[in-house]
Amino acid sequence: MARPKKDLNFDKLNSYLQLKSSKRMCALLLEVSEDTIERRIKDEYGCTFSEYAEKMIAPVKLKLVQKAISKAMNGDNVLLIFCLKNLCGWSDKNEVVSVSEPSIKIDKHDEKL
């Protein structure tokens, strides 16, 4: 006779995943094995732990970006600079990139070598 399925508290799991907890940490906190977490997620949602964790952290990431932009727009210069660099691709340094190949000149003296 097989062992009974261990219940998984998805509310607690979701709250841990919103803090970007690892599968190992979730297993320790929920007192289940990592395999149990994988199996329950696969059974319930048809995806892997990594895919599920990404879904749970997505709203948190969005809220953080919204908060950062809001603070930047309301005068937080540090966050304004951070947002410009990270969201808009701005940079502190100007880099000159050559798009043409350098030409090579051969002197008459070099031809004899």
N, C-alpha and C. Protein backbone atom coordinates (compact mmCIF):
# COMPACT_ATOMS: atom_id res chain seq x y z
N MET A 1 0.85 -1.19 0.00
CA MET A 1 0.00 0.00 0.00
C MET A 1 0.89 1.25 0.00
N ALA A 2 0.58 2.17 -0.88
CA ALA A 2 1.37 3.40 -1.01
C ALA A 2 1.09 4.35 0.15
N ARG A 3 2.09 5.18 0.42
CA ARG A 3 1.92 6.20 1.46
C ARG A 3 0.89 7.22 1.00
N PRO A 4 0.18 7.81 1.95
CA PRO A 4 -0.77 8.87 1.56
C PRO A 4 -0.01 10.11 1.08
N LYS A 5 -0.62 10.83 0.16
CA LYS A 5 -0.01 12.05 -0.36
C LYS A 5 0.12 13.08 0.75
N LYS A 6 1.27 13.72 0.80
CA LYS A 6 1.49 14.79 1.76
C LYS A 6 0.89 16.06 1.17
N ASP A 7 0.05 16.72 1.95
CA ASP A 7 -0.57 17.97 1.48
C ASP A 7 0.48 19.06 1.37
N LEU A 8 0.27 19.94 0.42
CA LEU A 8 1.15 21.09 0.24
C LEU A 8 0.31 22.35 0.37
N ASN A 9 0.70 23.21 1.28
CA ASN A 9 -0.01 24.46 1.50
C ASN A 9 0.46 25.47 0.45
N PHE A 10 -0.33 25.60 -0.62
CA PHE A 10 0.06 26.48 -1.72
C PHE A 10 0.06 27.95 -1.31
N ASP A 11 -0.78 28.34 -0.35
CA ASP A 11 -0.77 29.74 0.10
C ASP A 11 0.58 30.08 0.72
N LYS A 12 1.08 29.19 1.58
CA LYS A 12 2.39 29.42 2.19
C LYS A 12 3.49 29.36 1.14
N LEU A 13 3.41 28.36 0.26
CA LEU A 13 4.42 28.23 -0.80
C LEU A 13 4.48 29.51 -1.63
N ASN A 14 3.32 30.01 -2.02
CA ASN A 14 3.28 31.24 -2.83
C ASN A 14 3.90 32.42 -2.10
N SER A 15 3.63 32.52 -0.80
CA SER A 15 4.20 33.64 -0.04
C SER A 15 5.73 33.52 0.04
N TYR A 16 6.24 32.30 0.15
CA TYR A 16 7.70 32.10 0.17
C TYR A 16 8.29 32.42 -1.20
N LEU A 17 7.60 32.01 -2.25
CA LEU A 17 8.11 32.24 -3.60
C LEU A 17 8.11 33.71 -3.97
N GLN A 18 7.20 34.49 -3.39
CA GLN A 18 7.18 35.93 -3.64
C GLN A 18 8.39 36.62 -3.00
N LEU A 19 9.06 35.90 -2.11
CA LEU A 19 10.30 36.40 -1.51
C LEU A 19 11.53 35.77 -2.17
N LYS A 20 11.30 35.09 -3.30
CA LYS A 20 12.34 34.43 -4.11
C LYS A 20 13.07 33.34 -3.33
N SER A 21 12.33 32.58 -2.55
CA SER A 21 12.90 31.46 -1.80
C SER A 21 13.23 30.31 -2.75
N SER A 22 14.28 29.59 -2.43
CA SER A 22 14.67 28.44 -3.23
C SER A 22 13.74 27.26 -2.94
N LYS A 23 13.80 26.26 -3.79
CA LYS A 23 13.00 25.06 -3.59
C LYS A 23 13.41 24.38 -2.28
N ARG A 24 14.70 24.36 -2.01
CA ARG A 24 15.20 23.75 -0.77
C ARG A 24 14.65 24.47 0.45
N MET A 25 14.68 25.80 0.42
CA MET A 25 14.18 26.57 1.56
C MET A 25 12.68 26.34 1.74
N CYS A 26 11.93 26.33 0.64
CA CYS A 26 10.49 26.07 0.71
C CYS A 26 10.22 24.70 1.32
N ALA A 27 10.99 23.71 0.89
CA ALA A 27 10.82 22.36 1.42
C ALA A 27 11.07 22.32 2.92
N LEU A 28 12.10 23.00 3.36
CA LEU A 28 12.41 23.03 4.80
C LEU A 28 11.30 23.73 5.58
N LEU A 29 10.83 24.85 5.08
CA LEU A 29 9.80 25.61 5.78
C LEU A 29 8.45 24.89 5.79
N LEU A 30 8.15 24.18 4.71
CA LEU A 30 6.86 23.48 4.60
C LEU A 30 6.93 22.05 5.15
N GLU A 31 8.12 21.64 5.52
CA GLU A 31 8.37 20.30 6.07
C GLU A 31 7.92 19.19 5.12
N VAL A 32 8.31 19.36 3.85
CA VAL A 32 8.08 18.34 2.82
C VAL A 32 9.38 18.21 2.02
N SER A 33 9.44 17.21 1.17
CA SER A 33 10.63 17.05 0.34
C SER A 33 10.54 17.97 -0.89
N GLU A 34 11.69 18.21 -1.49
CA GLU A 34 11.72 18.99 -2.72
C GLU A 34 10.94 18.27 -3.82
N ASP A 35 11.04 16.94 -3.83
CA ASP A 35 10.30 16.15 -4.82
C ASP A 35 8.79 16.32 -4.65
N THR A 36 8.33 16.40 -3.40
CA THR A 36 6.90 16.60 -3.14
C THR A 36 6.45 17.93 -3.73
N ILE A 37 7.24 18.96 -3.53
CA ILE A 37 6.90 20.27 -4.09
C ILE A 37 6.81 20.18 -5.61
N GLU A 38 7.82 19.57 -6.22
CA GLU A 38 7.82 19.42 -7.69
C GLU A 38 6.58 18.67 -8.17
N ARG A 39 6.27 17.55 -7.50
CA ARG A 39 5.14 16.73 -7.93
C ARG A 39 3.81 17.45 -7.77
N ARG A 40 3.61 18.13 -6.63
CA ARG A 40 2.34 18.82 -6.40
C ARG A 40 2.14 19.96 -7.40
N ILE A 41 3.21 20.68 -7.70
CA ILE A 41 3.12 21.76 -8.68
C ILE A 41 2.80 21.18 -10.06
N LYS A 42 3.47 20.09 -10.42
CA LYS A 42 3.23 19.44 -11.71
C LYS A 42 1.78 18.95 -11.80
N ASP A 43 1.30 18.31 -10.71
CA ASP A 43 -0.08 17.79 -10.69
C ASP A 43 -1.11 18.92 -10.77
N GLU A 44 -0.89 19.97 -10.01
CA GLU A 44 -1.87 21.05 -9.88
C GLU A 44 -1.83 22.05 -11.04
N TYR A 45 -0.61 22.37 -11.51
CA TYR A 45 -0.48 23.45 -12.49
C TYR A 45 0.19 23.03 -13.80
N GLY A 46 0.69 21.80 -13.86
CA GLY A 46 1.28 21.30 -15.09
C GLY A 46 2.57 21.98 -15.51
N CYS A 47 3.35 22.43 -14.54
CA CYS A 47 4.62 23.08 -14.86
C CYS A 47 5.67 22.68 -13.83
N THR A 48 6.90 23.12 -14.05
CA THR A 48 7.99 22.81 -13.12
C THR A 48 8.01 23.83 -11.98
N PHE A 49 8.80 23.54 -10.97
CA PHE A 49 8.97 24.47 -9.85
C PHE A 49 9.49 25.81 -10.36
N SER A 50 10.49 25.77 -11.23
CA SER A 50 11.09 27.01 -11.75
C SER A 50 10.07 27.87 -12.48
N GLU A 51 9.26 27.23 -13.31
CA GLU A 51 8.22 27.96 -14.05
C GLU A 51 7.19 28.55 -13.09
N TYR A 52 6.79 27.76 -12.11
CA TYR A 52 5.80 28.22 -11.13
C TYR A 52 6.37 29.36 -10.29
N ALA A 53 7.62 29.22 -9.86
CA ALA A 53 8.26 30.26 -9.05
C ALA A 53 8.34 31.57 -9.83
N GLU A 54 8.63 31.47 -11.12
CA GLU A 54 8.70 32.67 -11.97
C GLU A 54 7.34 33.35 -12.06
N LYS A 55 6.28 32.56 -12.13
CA LYS A 55 4.92 33.13 -12.16
C LYS A 55 4.59 33.84 -10.85
N MET A 56 5.06 33.30 -9.74
CA MET A 56 4.75 33.88 -8.43
C MET A 56 5.54 35.16 -8.16
N ILE A 57 6.75 35.27 -8.70
CA ILE A 57 7.57 36.45 -8.44
C ILE A 57 7.26 37.58 -9.44
N ALA A 58 6.63 37.27 -10.57
CA ALA A 58 6.36 38.28 -11.61
C ALA A 58 5.59 39.49 -11.09
N PRO A 59 4.49 39.31 -10.33
CA PRO A 59 3.77 40.49 -9.83
C PRO A 59 4.61 41.34 -8.87
N VAL A 60 5.48 40.69 -8.11
CA VAL A 60 6.35 41.42 -7.18
C VAL A 60 7.33 42.28 -7.97
N LYS A 61 7.92 41.70 -9.02
CA LYS A 61 8.85 42.45 -9.86
C LYS A 61 8.16 43.67 -10.48
N LEU A 62 6.96 43.46 -10.97
CA LEU A 62 6.20 44.55 -11.58
C LEU A 62 5.93 45.66 -10.57
N LYS A 63 5.53 45.30 -9.36
CA LYS A 63 5.27 46.31 -8.32
C LYS A 63 6.53 47.08 -7.96
N LEU A 64 7.68 46.38 -7.92
CA LEU A 64 8.94 47.05 -7.61
C LEU A 64 9.31 48.06 -8.70
N VAL A 65 9.14 47.67 -9.94
CA VAL A 65 9.43 48.59 -11.05
C VAL A 65 8.49 49.79 -11.00
N GLN A 66 7.20 49.54 -10.76
CA GLN A 66 6.24 50.64 -10.65
C GLN A 66 6.62 51.59 -9.52
N LYS A 67 7.02 51.06 -8.39
CA LYS A 67 7.40 51.88 -7.23
C LYS A 67 8.65 52.69 -7.54
N ALA A 68 9.64 52.05 -8.18
CA ALA A 68 10.87 52.75 -8.53
C ALA A 68 10.59 53.90 -9.49
N ILE A 69 9.78 53.65 -10.50
CA ILE A 69 9.44 54.70 -11.47
C ILE A 69 8.67 55.82 -10.79
N SER A 70 7.74 55.47 -9.92
CA SER A 70 6.96 56.47 -9.20
C SER A 70 7.86 57.37 -8.35
N LYS A 71 8.79 56.76 -7.62
CA LYS A 71 9.71 57.54 -6.79
C LYS A 71 10.61 58.41 -7.66
N ALA A 72 11.08 57.86 -8.79
CA ALA A 72 11.93 58.62 -9.69
C ALA A 72 11.18 59.83 -10.24
N MET A 73 9.93 59.64 -10.61
CA MET A 73 9.12 60.73 -11.17
C MET A 73 8.75 61.77 -10.12
N ASN A 74 8.84 61.39 -8.85
CA ASN A 74 8.51 62.32 -7.76
C ASN A 74 9.75 62.95 -7.13
N GLY A 75 10.89 62.90 -7.84
CA GLY A 75 12.05 63.66 -7.39
C GLY A 75 13.17 62.88 -6.73
N ASP A 76 13.10 61.58 -6.64
CA ASP A 76 14.20 60.80 -6.07
C ASP A 76 15.27 60.65 -7.16
N ASN A 77 16.30 61.52 -7.09
CA ASN A 77 17.30 61.56 -8.15
C ASN A 77 18.11 60.27 -8.26
N VAL A 78 18.35 59.61 -7.15
CA VAL A 78 19.09 58.35 -7.20
C VAL A 78 18.29 57.32 -7.99
N LEU A 79 17.01 57.22 -7.70
CA LEU A 79 16.17 56.28 -8.44
C LEU A 79 15.96 56.72 -9.87
N LEU A 80 15.94 58.02 -10.12
CA LEU A 80 15.81 58.52 -11.48
C LEU A 80 17.01 58.05 -12.32
N ILE A 81 18.21 58.23 -11.79
CA ILE A 81 19.42 57.79 -12.49
C ILE A 81 19.40 56.27 -12.68
N PHE A 82 19.03 55.54 -11.63
CA PHE A 82 18.96 54.08 -11.70
C PHE A 82 17.99 53.65 -12.80
N CYS A 83 16.81 54.25 -12.84
CA CYS A 83 15.80 53.89 -13.85
C CYS A 83 16.28 54.22 -15.25
N LEU A 84 16.90 55.39 -15.41
CA LEU A 84 17.40 55.76 -16.73
C LEU A 84 18.46 54.77 -17.22
N LYS A 85 19.33 54.35 -16.33
CA LYS A 85 20.38 53.40 -16.72
C LYS A 85 19.81 52.01 -16.97
N ASN A 86 18.95 51.54 -16.10
CA ASN A 86 18.49 50.16 -16.17
C ASN A 86 17.26 49.94 -17.03
N LEU A 87 16.40 50.92 -17.12
CA LEU A 87 15.18 50.75 -17.92
C LEU A 87 15.29 51.41 -19.29
N CYS A 88 16.14 52.44 -19.38
CA CYS A 88 16.24 53.18 -20.64
C CYS A 88 17.57 52.99 -21.35
N GLY A 89 18.48 52.24 -20.74
CA GLY A 89 19.76 51.95 -21.40
C GLY A 89 20.78 53.08 -21.37
N TRP A 90 20.57 54.07 -20.51
CA TRP A 90 21.52 55.16 -20.42
C TRP A 90 22.81 54.67 -19.79
N SER A 91 23.90 55.44 -20.01
CA SER A 91 25.21 55.06 -19.48
C SER A 91 25.97 56.30 -19.06
N ASP A 92 26.90 56.14 -18.12
CA ASP A 92 27.74 57.24 -17.68
C ASP A 92 28.86 57.54 -18.66
N LYS A 93 29.30 56.54 -19.39
CA LYS A 93 30.45 56.74 -20.27
C LYS A 93 30.04 56.63 -21.73
N ASN A 94 30.70 57.42 -22.54
CA ASN A 94 30.47 57.37 -23.98
C ASN A 94 31.55 56.49 -24.60
N GLU A 95 31.15 55.51 -25.34
CA GLU A 95 32.10 54.63 -26.00
C GLU A 95 32.01 54.86 -27.50
N VAL A 96 33.18 54.98 -28.11
CA VAL A 96 33.24 55.14 -29.55
C VAL A 96 33.49 53.77 -30.14
N VAL A 97 32.62 53.38 -31.03
CA VAL A 97 32.75 52.07 -31.66
C VAL A 97 33.01 52.27 -33.14
N SER A 98 34.08 51.67 -33.62
CA SER A 98 34.41 51.76 -35.03
C SER A 98 33.64 50.69 -35.80
N VAL A 99 33.04 51.11 -36.90
CA VAL A 99 32.27 50.16 -37.71
C VAL A 99 33.02 49.76 -38.98
N SER A 100 34.19 50.37 -39.21
CA SER A 100 34.96 50.02 -40.41
C SER A 100 36.25 49.33 -40.00
N GLU A 101 36.74 48.51 -40.90
CA GLU A 101 38.00 47.81 -40.66
C GLU A 101 39.15 48.79 -40.88
N PRO A 102 40.19 48.72 -40.04
CA PRO A 102 41.33 49.61 -40.26
C PRO A 102 42.07 49.19 -41.54
N SER A 103 42.55 50.18 -42.28
CA SER A 103 43.29 49.86 -43.50
C SER A 103 44.75 49.60 -43.15
N ILE A 104 45.37 48.74 -43.92
CA ILE A 104 46.78 48.40 -43.70
C ILE A 104 47.56 48.92 -44.89
N LYS A 105 48.61 49.70 -44.59
CA LYS A 105 49.47 50.22 -45.65
C LYS A 105 50.78 49.44 -45.63
N ILE A 106 51.25 49.12 -46.80
CA ILE A 106 52.53 48.43 -46.91
C ILE A 106 53.49 49.37 -47.63
N ASP A 107 54.58 49.71 -46.95
CA ASP A 107 55.60 50.56 -47.55
C ASP A 107 56.48 49.72 -48.47
N LYS A 108 57.20 50.40 -49.34
CA LYS A 108 58.12 49.70 -50.23
C LYS A 108 59.17 48.95 -49.44
N HIS A 109 59.57 49.49 -48.30
CA HIS A 109 60.59 48.84 -47.48
C HIS A 109 60.06 47.53 -46.92
N ASP A 110 58.78 47.47 -46.61
CA ASP A 110 58.17 46.26 -46.05
C ASP A 110 58.04 45.17 -47.10
N GLU A 111 57.92 45.55 -48.38
CA GLU A 111 57.75 44.56 -49.44
C GLU A 111 58.98 43.69 -49.59
N LYS A 112 60.15 44.22 -49.26
CA LYS A 112 61.39 43.47 -49.41
C LYS A 112 61.53 42.40 -48.34
N LEU A 113 60.85 42.53 -47.26
CA LEU A 113 60.95 41.56 -46.17
C LEU A 113 60.23 40.36 -46.52
